[in-house]
Amino acid sequence: MNLLVNSIIEWSNYKENEDTEINKVPIVERVLYNDSKLVVTINIFTKSGLPVIRRFDELGSFLNNDFRVLQEDPYSNLLVPEDLIPEKSRSSRNKAWKIIEKIVSLPNIKAFDSKIRGEIISQITAETGVGKKIIYSYVKNYWKRGMTKNALLPNFNNCGGKGKTRESNDKNDTKLGKPSTLSISNGENRGVRITFEIKAYFRRGLNEFYEKASSKTSLKTAYQKTLEKFFKSGYELQGDVPIPILPDSSELPTFEQFRYYYETEYRNPIREIKFRQGEINFQLQYRELLGNSTEMAFGPGSLYQIDATVVDIYLVSSFDRTKIIGRPVLYLVVDVFSRMITGMAVLLEGPSWVGAMLALDNAFTDKVAFCAEYGIGISREQWDCQHLPEAILADRGEFESYNADNLVSSLNITVHNTPPYRADLKAIVERLFRIFNEKFIHFEPGAVVKRRDRSEKDYRLDAVLTLNEFRALMIAHILDHNHNRYLKAYRKDEFMIADNLERYPVNFWNWGIQNRSGHLRTLPRDIVRMNLLPRKEITVTAQGLHFERELYYACDPLLRNGLMMRKRGRRSPKVTVVYDPRTLDYVYLTSLDNRQVVICPLTPAAKTFLGRDLYEAQAYFTGETQSLELAQTQQIQSKAQIHAIQSYVTNSAIEKTTEALENSSNLSNTQRLSGIRENKRLENEADRAKNLWDNRQANNGSDSKLDYLDNQAPEDEYVVPLSNIGEIRSLRKQLKRGKKQ
């Protein structure tokens, strides 16, 4: 086998010891010279070794069986560019090279001949005054380190005691380091030598006062508390409080010594952050970012991320824009592979399971019809996302309930839940919330101002958007995100690069459907909604399906089956409906076998709530209930007043009637009952004459008055003529009698 010059070989020299056992002594050598007859090598790890000249026939079995060529050169780190070598090191290298250049430049194997080499070294010593020992060290370094000029670079990095500490057990030993200004001026040896005992106190103090869970203590404060606990000489009572007494500062370790020990011997950055800020905060803000979220998904639909946040904006009611209804909750569903937003939901409650299901329902909805509900016209190609994914990554809260079983069992969607407080594992969807805040939400009227000056107007009073108007804005910005957001940090694979794919979500989505198909699935719309939308058991009444308060629904099957007929004395039947809280226009009536869904629209009597949101309606109902409660005081007072008047009038009438009956004691009950008709006629005529109208006006002319006529009316005023209805009736009776005769 031919050995190349400068290669590193490792082989073993077998020697028999006294016990005839075989000891293998590994030898690592560099090949300095090689021809068909001679081989020159040098052991690179021994300090006193010199080149060894051998003949091939003397090597015997070593060249055949017991050596191997090493691929790594331990001195390859010396082969660095000139500009990376410090000036001091270059100067030292060049000086050494001038000294040994005559030796290492000898042809053939003359430099390895000890006699020739010795003579030249003697000449160099005589010329330069450099000792032979130094010259030999230069030559050996040159051969051992690779026979290059850089092999003569000095080992300055090995100088000094880097990483080593000068330990002591006696605190009275001289303090290490620069003396203090006071020590220099007084000529005294002030300060304490750091001993093993003091280091033990430092460790305990750091454990107890600094690297502690949720500790906000500074290193300076930890040092002070360490002195108070471990270096005190006693206590002094001030009242009932024991105050620790500390020795003179010259007898205490300084803060610089404490900090030096912490930074050089004790400190572990990972441990420090975990102890002081917690494991969760470490994982969120300080851990290494070596992964790539896109690697979690092979194509569109492989994995959706879903999350919710309370939006930084206040909204107003669509029923009454003067009423502020608070901040909505925004749910977003995003495809991990393409960053395409596939679904959204804006609600007034949550985060909750209902909100998460509505967002997923929207992700599986035809977006053309969905956008049309908010007055936005799009084509299918602009938002072609109405498919079921293979898996969903979500928070633990909403997707740890038993409701999530429907996703797994019925829809065959795998649910992955992140650990608590690990929002960074859903970084894609979390980042979108911040993008929308920075893009438009913080610039809308009613947006939350994080730091509002007390003299400024309350930002909540600026709210103008209703729930549906905010949804329309969100749809517009989602469409803009899907088509126009340039994904600068997206890591394309080699196939995307080959296809020259532009960095937009819609492009990644469409490319993935064509090249990574098989992850998106479809199911009948009714089946999906039955498993996602919330359910409610409601009563069937004659007015319709009574969903809540003034909300009634009806449909043809209920009318045909007579379920809405009024049933006297019988209990009203109950049915289960599936509803979408985002719209009150209809509910979905599930059949008995749960295989069909019937759409039930609002009845005409409930048309006030068309196009409204369930949460807005509930807010309206709550306001009506509050108004009713506020009206109770007025109603109670009114009833008290009418009851008092009723009691007074009734009791007065009883007294007067009783008195009249007592005055006519000879009047029997029969007599009282026999004259009812005549009494009624006389009372009617008297009441008619009494209630004639008078158009006289008050003297001041401000109001008109209706006064009953007096018997003596002024001649200069107009008097309404007396009614002659009685005379007309008498004439009609006489005419009737004449006809009969």
Foldseek 3Di string as FASTA:
>chain_A
DFDDAQWKKKFWDWDQDPVRDTDTDIFIWGWHDDDQFKTWIWGLPDQPIAIDIDTPVVCPCGVPPTMDIDPDQPLPVLPDDPVVDDPVQVVQLVVLCVLCVVLVPDPDCQSRPPVSVVVSLVVSCVVPVDDSVVNVNSVSQCRSNRVDSSSNGDPPVPDDDVLDDDADADQPPQADDDDDPVCVVVVHRFATHDHPVNLVLLVVLCDVQALAAQHPDDLVVSVVVSCQPPAFPAWDDDDNDTGTHHDPPSSDHDSVVSVCCCVSPNDDPLSSCCRNPNPLVCLAPPDDDDDDQLVCAPFWQQEKEKDKDFAQFWAAFPVDRQHILGTWMKMWIATSNQRATQFIDIGRDDPALQRRLNRVLRSQDQVQVVLVLLVDHDDCLLRVGNWHGQEYEYACHHCVDPLVVLCCPVVVYHYHHDPPSPCVSVVSVVVVSVVVCVPPQCPAQRGHDPDDDPPDDDSNSRHRHHRSRVVNVVVVVSSCQQAPPFPPPDDDDPVCVVVVQGRGSSRRNVVRCVPVNDGTHHDDSLSSQVSRFDKDKFFQELQATCPDDQWHWHDDVCVVVVLHDHDPPDDTDIFMWGDRQQFSQWIWGADPVRPDTDTIGTDPSSCVRGPHGNVSVVVVVVVVVVVVVVCPVVVVVVVVVVVVVVVVVVVVVVVVVVVVCVVCVVDDPVNVVVCPVVVVVVVVVVVLLFQAWFQDQDPVRPDTDTDTDDPDDDPVGDDDDRDCPVVVVVVVVVVVVVVVD
